[in-house]
Amino acid sequence: MDSTARGRGVRAVLLAAALAIAMVVSCVAVALGVRPASAQPASEEHSITDLGTLGGSCSQAVAINDRGQVVGWSDTAIEGVHAFLWEKGKMTDLGILGGGFIYAYAFNNRG
C-alpha cells in the first residue's frame, strides 16, 4: 500500500470515529434534553422542524436537498440504527440492507 492510499485509509478511520463520537454525544444530549447555548430562533425565512425518530430515542438529519428532502439516521425501537428519508412531513425507514446499522450521509436533488 502506498503512502497516499494509507493516508486515505487513516483519514477514513478518523472520520468514522469522529462520526461515531458525534452520534453518541448527540443521542446523550437529546436524552438529557440539552439545548445548544448558541441556538437561535428560526427566522421568518427559515424554520426548525422536529423530524421525529423511527421509534428510538434519537435521530440526526445529515443532508437536505433543493427539494426539501432530508436524509439521516435514527435509532429504532429494537433493531439498531436505520437510515431515513424525510419528505413532506413523513419519515420513511430505508432499512438496513442486511446489517444492523445503516446511515445516510448525502444524496442529490433526484432523491
N, C-alpha and C. Protein backbone atom coordinates (compact mmCIF):
# COMPACT_ATOMS: atom_id res chain seq x y z
N MET A 1 0.85 -1.17 0.00
CA MET A 1 0.00 0.00 0.00
C MET A 1 0.90 1.23 0.00
N ASP A 2 0.65 2.15 -0.93
CA ASP A 2 1.47 3.36 -0.98
C ASP A 2 1.02 4.35 0.10
N SER A 3 1.82 5.37 0.31
CA SER A 3 1.54 6.33 1.40
C SER A 3 0.26 7.12 1.15
N THR A 4 -0.10 7.37 -0.12
CA THR A 4 -1.34 8.09 -0.42
C THR A 4 -2.55 7.27 -0.01
N ALA A 5 -2.56 5.99 -0.38
CA ALA A 5 -3.66 5.11 0.00
C ALA A 5 -3.73 4.94 1.50
N ARG A 6 -2.57 4.80 2.15
CA ARG A 6 -2.52 4.67 3.61
C ARG A 6 -3.10 5.92 4.26
N GLY A 7 -2.75 7.11 3.74
CA GLY A 7 -3.26 8.36 4.27
C GLY A 7 -4.77 8.45 4.14
N ARG A 8 -5.29 8.00 2.99
CA ARG A 8 -6.75 7.99 2.81
C ARG A 8 -7.42 7.05 3.80
N GLY A 9 -6.80 5.89 4.01
CA GLY A 9 -7.35 4.93 4.95
C GLY A 9 -7.38 5.47 6.37
N VAL A 10 -6.32 6.15 6.78
CA VAL A 10 -6.27 6.75 8.10
C VAL A 10 -7.33 7.83 8.23
N ARG A 11 -7.47 8.67 7.21
CA ARG A 11 -8.50 9.72 7.25
C ARG A 11 -9.90 9.12 7.34
N ALA A 12 -10.14 8.03 6.61
CA ALA A 12 -11.45 7.38 6.65
C ALA A 12 -11.75 6.83 8.04
N VAL A 13 -10.75 6.22 8.68
CA VAL A 13 -10.93 5.68 10.03
C VAL A 13 -11.18 6.82 11.02
N LEU A 14 -10.42 7.90 10.90
CA LEU A 14 -10.61 9.04 11.80
C LEU A 14 -11.99 9.67 11.60
N LEU A 15 -12.44 9.79 10.35
CA LEU A 15 -13.76 10.34 10.08
C LEU A 15 -14.84 9.45 10.67
N ALA A 16 -14.72 8.14 10.49
CA ALA A 16 -15.70 7.21 11.06
C ALA A 16 -15.73 7.32 12.58
N ALA A 17 -14.57 7.42 13.21
CA ALA A 17 -14.51 7.56 14.67
C ALA A 17 -15.15 8.87 15.12
N ALA A 18 -14.87 9.96 14.41
CA ALA A 18 -15.45 11.25 14.76
C ALA A 18 -16.97 11.22 14.62
N LEU A 19 -17.48 10.59 13.56
CA LEU A 19 -18.93 10.48 13.38
C LEU A 19 -19.56 9.63 14.47
N ALA A 20 -18.90 8.55 14.85
CA ALA A 20 -19.43 7.71 15.93
C ALA A 20 -19.50 8.48 17.24
N ILE A 21 -18.47 9.24 17.54
CA ILE A 21 -18.46 10.05 18.76
C ILE A 21 -19.56 11.10 18.71
N ALA A 22 -19.71 11.75 17.56
CA ALA A 22 -20.76 12.77 17.41
C ALA A 22 -22.14 12.17 17.61
N MET A 23 -22.36 10.96 17.10
CA MET A 23 -23.67 10.31 17.27
C MET A 23 -23.95 10.01 18.73
N VAL A 24 -22.95 9.51 19.44
CA VAL A 24 -23.14 9.20 20.87
C VAL A 24 -23.43 10.48 21.63
N VAL A 25 -22.65 11.53 21.39
CA VAL A 25 -22.85 12.81 22.08
C VAL A 25 -24.22 13.38 21.78
N SER A 26 -24.65 13.34 20.51
CA SER A 26 -25.95 13.91 20.17
C SER A 26 -27.08 13.11 20.80
N CYS A 27 -26.96 11.78 20.86
CA CYS A 27 -28.00 10.97 21.50
C CYS A 27 -28.07 11.22 23.00
N VAL A 28 -26.93 11.35 23.64
CA VAL A 28 -26.91 11.65 25.07
C VAL A 28 -27.52 13.02 25.31
N ALA A 29 -27.17 13.99 24.48
CA ALA A 29 -27.72 15.34 24.64
C ALA A 29 -29.23 15.34 24.48
N VAL A 30 -29.73 14.60 23.50
CA VAL A 30 -31.18 14.50 23.29
C VAL A 30 -31.83 13.85 24.50
N ALA A 31 -31.23 12.76 24.97
CA ALA A 31 -31.80 12.05 26.12
C ALA A 31 -31.86 12.93 27.36
N LEU A 32 -30.87 13.82 27.52
CA LEU A 32 -30.82 14.70 28.68
C LEU A 32 -31.58 16.00 28.46
N GLY A 33 -32.07 16.22 27.25
CA GLY A 33 -32.81 17.45 26.96
C GLY A 33 -31.92 18.67 26.84
N VAL A 34 -30.65 18.47 26.50
CA VAL A 34 -29.70 19.58 26.39
C VAL A 34 -29.94 20.34 25.10
N ARG A 35 -29.92 21.65 25.18
CA ARG A 35 -30.05 22.52 24.01
C ARG A 35 -28.76 23.30 23.86
N PRO A 36 -28.29 23.50 22.63
CA PRO A 36 -27.06 24.28 22.43
C PRO A 36 -27.23 25.71 22.94
N ALA A 37 -26.18 26.23 23.57
CA ALA A 37 -26.22 27.59 24.09
C ALA A 37 -26.37 28.62 22.98
N SER A 38 -25.89 28.29 21.79
CA SER A 38 -25.93 29.24 20.68
C SER A 38 -27.17 29.09 19.80
N ALA A 39 -28.12 28.26 20.21
CA ALA A 39 -29.31 28.05 19.38
C ALA A 39 -30.06 29.35 19.19
N GLN A 40 -30.35 29.65 17.97
CA GLN A 40 -31.07 30.87 17.62
C GLN A 40 -32.49 30.51 17.19
N PRO A 41 -33.45 31.36 17.46
CA PRO A 41 -34.80 31.09 16.98
C PRO A 41 -34.81 31.12 15.46
N ALA A 42 -35.73 30.37 14.88
CA ALA A 42 -35.85 30.35 13.42
C ALA A 42 -36.25 31.72 12.91
N SER A 43 -35.75 32.07 11.76
CA SER A 43 -36.12 33.34 11.15
C SER A 43 -37.42 33.17 10.38
N GLU A 44 -37.95 34.27 9.87
CA GLU A 44 -39.16 34.19 9.05
C GLU A 44 -38.89 33.41 7.77
N GLU A 45 -37.65 33.42 7.32
CA GLU A 45 -37.28 32.76 6.09
C GLU A 45 -37.02 31.27 6.28
N HIS A 46 -36.61 30.88 7.48
CA HIS A 46 -36.26 29.50 7.78
C HIS A 46 -37.02 29.03 9.00
N SER A 47 -37.18 27.74 9.13
CA SER A 47 -37.85 27.20 10.31
C SER A 47 -37.14 25.93 10.76
N ILE A 48 -37.39 25.55 11.99
CA ILE A 48 -36.85 24.33 12.56
C ILE A 48 -37.99 23.34 12.67
N THR A 49 -37.76 22.12 12.21
CA THR A 49 -38.79 21.09 12.22
C THR A 49 -38.28 19.86 12.96
N ASP A 50 -39.04 19.39 13.92
CA ASP A 50 -38.72 18.14 14.60
C ASP A 50 -39.11 17.01 13.66
N LEU A 51 -38.13 16.25 13.18
CA LEU A 51 -38.41 15.18 12.23
C LEU A 51 -38.89 13.90 12.91
N GLY A 52 -38.70 13.80 14.21
CA GLY A 52 -39.09 12.60 14.93
C GLY A 52 -38.02 11.52 14.84
N THR A 53 -38.40 10.29 15.15
CA THR A 53 -37.49 9.14 15.08
C THR A 53 -38.22 7.97 14.45
N LEU A 54 -37.50 6.89 14.30
CA LEU A 54 -38.10 5.63 13.82
C LEU A 54 -38.41 4.73 15.00
N GLY A 55 -38.82 5.33 16.11
CA GLY A 55 -39.20 4.57 17.29
C GLY A 55 -38.17 4.56 18.40
N GLY A 56 -36.97 5.05 18.13
CA GLY A 56 -35.91 5.07 19.12
C GLY A 56 -35.87 6.39 19.87
N SER A 57 -34.74 6.65 20.53
CA SER A 57 -34.62 7.84 21.37
C SER A 57 -34.03 9.04 20.65
N CYS A 58 -33.35 8.84 19.51
CA CYS A 58 -32.77 10.00 18.84
C CYS A 58 -32.60 9.74 17.34
N SER A 59 -32.47 10.83 16.64
CA SER A 59 -32.21 10.78 15.20
C SER A 59 -31.36 11.99 14.85
N GLN A 60 -30.77 11.94 13.66
CA GLN A 60 -29.96 13.08 13.21
C GLN A 60 -30.16 13.27 11.73
N ALA A 61 -30.56 14.48 11.34
CA ALA A 61 -30.61 14.85 9.94
C ALA A 61 -29.20 15.15 9.50
N VAL A 62 -28.81 14.68 8.32
CA VAL A 62 -27.44 14.83 7.86
C VAL A 62 -27.35 15.67 6.59
N ALA A 63 -28.34 15.57 5.72
CA ALA A 63 -28.29 16.31 4.46
C ALA A 63 -29.69 16.69 4.03
N ILE A 64 -29.78 17.81 3.31
CA ILE A 64 -31.05 18.27 2.74
C ILE A 64 -30.78 18.68 1.30
N ASN A 65 -31.72 18.39 0.41
CA ASN A 65 -31.53 18.79 -0.98
C ASN A 65 -32.44 19.97 -1.33
N ASP A 66 -32.37 20.41 -2.57
CA ASP A 66 -33.14 21.58 -3.01
C ASP A 66 -34.65 21.32 -3.01
N ARG A 67 -35.06 20.07 -2.97
CA ARG A 67 -36.49 19.71 -2.94
C ARG A 67 -37.05 19.67 -1.52
N GLY A 68 -36.18 19.90 -0.52
CA GLY A 68 -36.61 19.88 0.87
C GLY A 68 -36.62 18.49 1.47
N GLN A 69 -36.11 17.49 0.76
CA GLN A 69 -35.99 16.14 1.30
C GLN A 69 -34.78 16.10 2.24
N VAL A 70 -34.89 15.31 3.28
CA VAL A 70 -33.83 15.20 4.28
C VAL A 70 -33.47 13.73 4.44
N VAL A 71 -32.17 13.44 4.56
CA VAL A 71 -31.73 12.09 4.90
C VAL A 71 -30.91 12.15 6.18
N GLY A 72 -30.87 11.03 6.86
CA GLY A 72 -30.09 10.93 8.08
C GLY A 72 -30.23 9.55 8.66
N TRP A 73 -30.08 9.44 9.97
CA TRP A 73 -30.17 8.17 10.66
C TRP A 73 -31.04 8.32 11.90
N SER A 74 -31.60 7.22 12.35
CA SER A 74 -32.43 7.22 13.55
C SER A 74 -32.28 5.91 14.29
N ASP A 75 -32.29 5.99 15.62
CA ASP A 75 -32.42 4.79 16.41
C ASP A 75 -33.79 4.21 16.14
N THR A 76 -33.91 2.90 16.23
CA THR A 76 -35.22 2.26 16.13
C THR A 76 -35.55 1.66 17.49
N ALA A 77 -36.78 1.21 17.64
CA ALA A 77 -37.20 0.66 18.92
C ALA A 77 -36.44 -0.62 19.27
N ILE A 78 -36.10 -1.45 18.27
CA ILE A 78 -35.47 -2.74 18.59
C ILE A 78 -34.29 -3.13 17.71
N GLU A 79 -34.13 -2.58 16.54
CA GLU A 79 -33.16 -3.12 15.58
C GLU A 79 -31.89 -2.32 15.40
N GLY A 80 -31.59 -1.33 16.17
CA GLY A 80 -30.37 -0.57 15.98
C GLY A 80 -30.62 0.76 15.29
N VAL A 81 -29.80 1.06 14.29
CA VAL A 81 -29.85 2.35 13.60
C VAL A 81 -30.19 2.13 12.13
N HIS A 82 -31.16 2.89 11.64
CA HIS A 82 -31.56 2.82 10.23
C HIS A 82 -31.41 4.18 9.58
N ALA A 83 -31.15 4.18 8.29
CA ALA A 83 -31.17 5.41 7.51
C ALA A 83 -32.63 5.79 7.27
N PHE A 84 -32.88 7.09 7.08
CA PHE A 84 -34.24 7.52 6.76
C PHE A 84 -34.22 8.58 5.68
N LEU A 85 -35.37 8.69 5.02
CA LEU A 85 -35.67 9.80 4.11
C LEU A 85 -36.88 10.49 4.69
N TRP A 86 -36.79 11.79 4.92
CA TRP A 86 -37.91 12.59 5.42
C TRP A 86 -38.37 13.48 4.29
N GLU A 87 -39.68 13.41 4.00
CA GLU A 87 -40.23 14.19 2.90
C GLU A 87 -41.69 14.51 3.19
N LYS A 88 -42.05 15.77 3.04
CA LYS A 88 -43.43 16.24 3.21
C LYS A 88 -44.02 15.79 4.54
N GLY A 89 -43.22 15.90 5.60
CA GLY A 89 -43.71 15.59 6.94
C GLY A 89 -43.69 14.13 7.32
N LYS A 90 -43.16 13.25 6.45
CA LYS A 90 -43.16 11.82 6.74
C LYS A 90 -41.74 11.26 6.70
N MET A 91 -41.37 10.53 7.76
CA MET A 91 -40.09 9.86 7.82
C MET A 91 -40.26 8.43 7.31
N THR A 92 -39.45 8.07 6.31
CA THR A 92 -39.51 6.73 5.73
C THR A 92 -38.24 5.97 6.10
N ASP A 93 -38.41 4.80 6.68
CA ASP A 93 -37.30 3.93 7.05
C ASP A 93 -36.71 3.33 5.79
N LEU A 94 -35.42 3.54 5.56
CA LEU A 94 -34.74 2.99 4.38
C LEU A 94 -34.17 1.60 4.64
N GLY A 95 -34.42 1.04 5.82
CA GLY A 95 -33.99 -0.31 6.11
C GLY A 95 -32.52 -0.41 6.49
N ILE A 96 -32.00 -1.64 6.48
CA ILE A 96 -30.64 -1.88 6.93
C ILE A 96 -29.78 -2.62 5.92
N LEU A 97 -30.33 -3.04 4.81
CA LEU A 97 -29.57 -3.73 3.76
C LEU A 97 -28.80 -4.94 4.28
N GLY A 98 -29.43 -5.70 5.16
CA GLY A 98 -28.82 -6.94 5.64
C GLY A 98 -27.93 -6.81 6.86
N GLY A 99 -27.71 -5.60 7.35
CA GLY A 99 -26.89 -5.41 8.54
C GLY A 99 -27.73 -4.86 9.67
N GLY A 100 -27.09 -4.50 10.77
CA GLY A 100 -27.82 -3.95 11.91
C GLY A 100 -27.87 -2.44 11.92
N PHE A 101 -26.97 -1.81 11.15
CA PHE A 101 -26.86 -0.36 11.17
C PHE A 101 -26.63 0.14 9.76
N ILE A 102 -27.30 1.23 9.40
CA ILE A 102 -27.05 1.88 8.12
C ILE A 102 -27.31 3.37 8.29
N TYR A 103 -26.48 4.17 7.67
CA TYR A 103 -26.56 5.62 7.79
C TYR A 103 -26.66 6.23 6.41
N ALA A 104 -27.43 7.30 6.26
CA ALA A 104 -27.46 8.08 5.01
C ALA A 104 -26.72 9.38 5.29
N TYR A 105 -25.75 9.71 4.45
CA TYR A 105 -24.95 10.91 4.66
C TYR A 105 -25.12 11.96 3.58
N ALA A 106 -25.57 11.57 2.41
CA ALA A 106 -25.69 12.53 1.31
C ALA A 106 -26.61 11.96 0.25
N PHE A 107 -27.15 12.84 -0.57
CA PHE A 107 -27.96 12.43 -1.72
C PHE A 107 -28.10 13.62 -2.64
N ASN A 108 -28.70 13.41 -3.79
CA ASN A 108 -28.79 14.51 -4.75
C ASN A 108 -30.23 15.03 -4.86
N ASN A 109 -30.47 15.94 -5.78
CA ASN A 109 -31.79 16.53 -5.92
C ASN A 109 -32.83 15.59 -6.54
N ARG A 110 -32.39 14.45 -7.04
CA ARG A 110 -33.33 13.46 -7.55
C ARG A 110 -33.80 12.54 -6.43
N GLY A 111 -33.25 12.70 -5.23
CA GLY A 111 -33.66 11.90 -4.08
C GLY A 111 -32.78 10.71 -3.96
